[in-house]
Amino acid sequence: MKKVLPLTFLLYLAFTGVSHAQASFSFEQTAHDFGIIKPGTDTLWYDFVFVNKGTDPLEINSVKTSCDCTLAQWPKTAVQPGKKAVIRGGFKIEGKSGPFDKSIIIIANTSPATTFLTITGDIK
């Protein structure tokens, strides 16, 4: 019984979400639709604004995009608690036509660790 009680308590802590302080993304929006776009523009850009709502500095460890035509720019230094920052998402439209739906995948010291941003539109 003496060994079961501490183990039960540890399991309780693990499954009730008790955790240490951490950083937290709070985006104004996580998706942007450019609408209908006429050919002729080289690259479309949209600024995804966020606030670190956590208690720890927010560090972006890596950013991946769904293809080579999707671009991302992000803060390379930690975003302090309560501060705003921008992740800039871009799409190279030169030579393309039709609808697109692209993703920007952010890995950071947040929970969950992965955040997805999307940009969509239709080149006509």
C-alpha atoms as a PDB file:
ATOM      1  CA  MET A   1       0.000   0.000   0.000  1.00  0.00           C
ATOM      2  CA  LYS A   2       2.866   2.381   0.800  1.00  0.00           C
ATOM      3  CA  LYS A   3       4.247   1.990  -2.745  1.00  0.00           C
ATOM      4  CA  VAL A   4       0.854   2.209  -4.456  1.00  0.00           C
ATOM      5  CA  LEU A   5      -0.121   5.592  -3.006  1.00  0.00           C
ATOM      6  CA  PRO A   6       2.899   7.554  -4.365  1.00  0.00           C
ATOM      7  CA  LEU A   7       2.536   5.851  -7.747  1.00  0.00           C
ATOM      8  CA  THR A   8      -1.169   6.694  -7.852  1.00  0.00           C
ATOM      9  CA  PHE A   9      -0.380  10.311  -6.994  1.00  0.00           C
ATOM     10  CA  LEU A  10       2.219  10.542  -9.775  1.00  0.00           C
ATOM     11  CA  LEU A  11      -0.232   9.094 -12.285  1.00  0.00           C
ATOM     12  CA  TYR A  12      -2.858  11.580 -11.124  1.00  0.00           C
ATOM     13  CA  LEU A  13      -0.465  14.479 -11.718  1.00  0.00           C
ATOM     14  CA  ALA A  14       0.474  13.153 -15.150  1.00  0.00           C
ATOM     15  CA  PHE A  15      -3.127  12.889 -16.323  1.00  0.00           C
ATOM     16  CA  THR A  16      -4.651  16.002 -14.761  1.00  0.00           C
ATOM     17  CA  GLY A  17      -2.579  18.451 -16.753  1.00  0.00           C
ATOM     18  CA  VAL A  18      -0.456  19.730 -13.894  1.00  0.00           C
ATOM     19  CA  SER A  19       2.555  21.169 -15.628  1.00  0.00           C
ATOM     20  CA  HIS A  20       5.309  23.696 -15.290  1.00  0.00           C
ATOM     21  CA  ALA A  21       5.015  27.255 -16.550  1.00  0.00           C
ATOM     22  CA  GLN A  22       5.417  27.608 -20.285  1.00  0.00           C
ATOM     23  CA  ALA A  23       4.963  29.818 -23.318  1.00  0.00           C
ATOM     24  CA  SER A  24       1.662  29.989 -25.187  1.00  0.00           C
ATOM     25  CA  PHE A  25       0.702  31.227 -28.675  1.00  0.00           C
ATOM     26  CA  SER A  26      -2.420  33.364 -28.982  1.00  0.00           C
ATOM     27  CA  PHE A  27      -2.932  34.213 -32.665  1.00  0.00           C
ATOM     28  CA  GLU A  28      -5.365  36.849 -33.920  1.00  0.00           C
ATOM     29  CA  GLN A  29      -6.099  34.290 -36.652  1.00  0.00           C
ATOM     30  CA  THR A  30      -4.459  31.062 -37.847  1.00  0.00           C
ATOM     31  CA  ALA A  31      -5.827  31.070 -41.405  1.00  0.00           C
ATOM     32  CA  HIS A  32      -5.867  33.699 -44.138  1.00  0.00           C
ATOM     33  CA  ASP A  33      -7.723  33.621 -47.459  1.00  0.00           C
ATOM     34  CA  PHE A  34      -6.235  35.910 -50.104  1.00  0.00           C
ATOM     35  CA  GLY A  35      -9.409  35.478 -52.159  1.00  0.00           C
ATOM     36  CA  ILE A  36      -9.188  35.718 -55.940  1.00  0.00           C
ATOM     37  CA  ILE A  37      -5.772  36.874 -57.116  1.00  0.00           C
ATOM     38  CA  LYS A  38      -4.849  38.062 -60.581  1.00  0.00           C
ATOM     39  CA  PRO A  39      -1.590  36.718 -62.034  1.00  0.00           C
ATOM     40  CA  GLY A  40       1.264  39.172 -62.178  1.00  0.00           C
ATOM     41  CA  THR A  41       2.232  39.391 -58.535  1.00  0.00           C
ATOM     42  CA  ASP A  42       5.417  37.557 -57.569  1.00  0.00           C
ATOM     43  CA  THR A  43       4.758  36.713 -53.908  1.00  0.00           C
ATOM     44  CA  LEU A  44       1.782  37.241 -51.600  1.00  0.00           C
ATOM     45  CA  TRP A  45       2.471  37.902 -47.919  1.00  0.00           C
ATOM     46  CA  TYR A  46       0.321  37.838 -44.800  1.00  0.00           C
ATOM     47  CA  ASP A  47       1.360  38.710 -41.238  1.00  0.00           C
ATOM     48  CA  PHE A  48       0.059  36.299 -38.589  1.00  0.00           C
ATOM     49  CA  VAL A  49       0.167  38.374 -35.392  1.00  0.00           C
ATOM     50  CA  PHE A  50       0.420  36.581 -32.059  1.00  0.00           C
ATOM     51  CA  VAL A  51       0.918  37.304 -28.366  1.00  0.00           C
ATOM     52  CA  ASN A  52       2.853  35.133 -25.949  1.00  0.00           C
ATOM     53  CA  LYS A  53       0.112  34.508 -23.345  1.00  0.00           C
ATOM     54  CA  GLY A  54       2.344  32.213 -21.306  1.00  0.00           C
ATOM     55  CA  THR A  55       4.619  32.906 -18.369  1.00  0.00           C
ATOM     56  CA  ASP A  56       7.869  31.841 -20.058  1.00  0.00           C
ATOM     57  CA  PRO A  57       9.655  33.306 -23.103  1.00  0.00           C
ATOM     58  CA  LEU A  58       8.307  31.742 -26.314  1.00  0.00           C
ATOM     59  CA  GLU A  59      10.999  30.212 -28.508  1.00  0.00           C
ATOM     60  CA  ILE A  60      10.243  29.014 -32.025  1.00  0.00           C
ATOM     61  CA  ASN A  61      12.427  25.960 -32.585  1.00  0.00           C
ATOM     62  CA  SER A  62      11.606  25.358 -36.245  1.00  0.00           C
ATOM     63  CA  VAL A  63       9.207  26.332 -39.000  1.00  0.00           C
ATOM     64  CA  LYS A  64       8.354  24.119 -41.952  1.00  0.00           C
ATOM     65  CA  THR A  65       6.177  24.818 -44.978  1.00  0.00           C
ATOM     66  CA  SER A  66       4.037  22.514 -47.076  1.00  0.00           C
ATOM     67  CA  CYS A  67       6.060  23.163 -50.255  1.00  0.00           C
ATOM     68  CA  ASP A  68       8.913  25.217 -51.718  1.00  0.00           C
ATOM     69  CA  CYS A  69       6.410  27.799 -52.980  1.00  0.00           C
ATOM     70  CA  THR A  70       5.338  28.589 -49.400  1.00  0.00           C
ATOM     71  CA  LEU A  71       7.565  30.928 -47.402  1.00  0.00           C
ATOM     72  CA  ALA A  72       7.802  31.824 -43.718  1.00  0.00           C
ATOM     73  CA  GLN A  73       9.625  34.445 -41.692  1.00  0.00           C
ATOM     74  CA  TRP A  74       9.569  34.293 -37.883  1.00  0.00           C
ATOM     75  CA  PRO A  75      11.264  35.787 -34.818  1.00  0.00           C
ATOM     76  CA  LYS A  76      14.664  34.219 -34.221  1.00  0.00           C
ATOM     77  CA  THR A  77      14.814  35.499 -30.642  1.00  0.00           C
ATOM     78  CA  ALA A  78      12.501  34.620 -27.754  1.00  0.00           C
ATOM     79  CA  VAL A  79       9.187  36.472 -27.495  1.00  0.00           C
ATOM     80  CA  GLN A  80       8.737  37.585 -23.902  1.00  0.00           C
ATOM     81  CA  PRO A  81       5.476  36.965 -22.001  1.00  0.00           C
ATOM     82  CA  GLY A  82       2.782  39.486 -22.951  1.00  0.00           C
ATOM     83  CA  LYS A  83       4.650  40.670 -26.060  1.00  0.00           C
ATOM     84  CA  LYS A  84       3.380  40.633 -29.656  1.00  0.00           C
ATOM     85  CA  ALA A  85       5.281  39.261 -32.622  1.00  0.00           C
ATOM     86  CA  VAL A  86       4.638  38.241 -36.226  1.00  0.00           C
ATOM     87  CA  ILE A  87       5.053  35.108 -38.286  1.00  0.00           C
ATOM     88  CA  ARG A  88       4.988  36.167 -41.918  1.00  0.00           C
ATOM     89  CA  GLY A  89       3.542  33.667 -44.375  1.00  0.00           C
ATOM     90  CA  GLY A  90       4.152  33.944 -48.092  1.00  0.00           C
ATOM     91  CA  PHE A  91       3.177  32.169 -51.287  1.00  0.00           C
ATOM     92  CA  LYS A  92       5.073  32.466 -54.601  1.00  0.00           C
ATOM     93  CA  ILE A  93       2.355  32.685 -57.249  1.00  0.00           C
ATOM     94  CA  GLU A  94       4.484  33.347 -60.320  1.00  0.00           C
ATOM     95  CA  GLY A  95       3.596  30.809 -63.014  1.00  0.00           C
ATOM     96  CA  LYS A  96       0.755  29.272 -60.993  1.00  0.00           C
ATOM     97  CA  SER A  97      -3.000  29.238 -61.499  1.00  0.00           C
ATOM     98  CA  GLY A  98      -6.021  27.828 -59.704  1.00  0.00           C
ATOM     99  CA  PRO A  99      -6.795  27.363 -56.024  1.00  0.00           C
ATOM    100  CA  PHE A 100      -4.119  26.837 -53.391  1.00  0.00           C
ATOM    101  CA  ASP A 101      -4.181  25.745 -49.737  1.00  0.00           C
ATOM    102  CA  LYS A 102      -0.764  25.869 -48.046  1.00  0.00           C
ATOM    103  CA  SER A 103       0.446  25.259 -44.500  1.00  0.00           C
ATOM    104  CA  ILE A 104       3.082  26.709 -42.214  1.00  0.00           C
ATOM    105  CA  ILE A 105       3.995  24.358 -39.373  1.00  0.00           C
ATOM    106  CA  ILE A 106       5.521  25.910 -36.242  1.00  0.00           C
ATOM    107  CA  ILE A 107       7.365  23.918 -33.573  1.00  0.00           C
ATOM    108  CA  ALA A 108       7.835  25.877 -30.336  1.00  0.00           C
ATOM    109  CA  ASN A 109       8.121  25.483 -26.581  1.00  0.00           C
ATOM    110  CA  THR A 110       4.321  25.585 -26.280  1.00  0.00           C
ATOM    111  CA  SER A 111       1.643  23.043 -25.471  1.00  0.00           C
ATOM    112  CA  PRO A 112       0.836  21.627 -27.903  1.00  0.00           C
ATOM    113  CA  ALA A 113       4.289  22.004 -29.429  1.00  0.00           C
ATOM    114  CA  THR A 114       2.971  22.174 -33.015  1.00  0.00           C
ATOM    115  CA  THR A 115       0.871  25.029 -34.409  1.00  0.00           C
ATOM    116  CA  PHE A 116      -0.499  25.158 -37.963  1.00  0.00           C
ATOM    117  CA  LEU A 117      -1.119  28.314 -39.990  1.00  0.00           C
ATOM    118  CA  THR A 118      -2.812  28.196 -43.402  1.00  0.00           C
ATOM    119  CA  ILE A 119      -2.965  30.477 -46.407  1.00  0.00           C
ATOM    120  CA  THR A 120      -5.456  29.933 -49.206  1.00  0.00           C
ATOM    121  CA  GLY A 121      -6.562  31.655 -52.366  1.00  0.00           C
ATOM    122  CA  ASP A 122      -7.431  31.238 -56.017  1.00  0.00           C
ATOM    123  CA  ILE A 123      -5.222  32.534 -58.829  1.00  0.00           C
ATOM    124  CA  LYS A 124      -7.356  33.472 -61.852  1.00  0.00           C
END
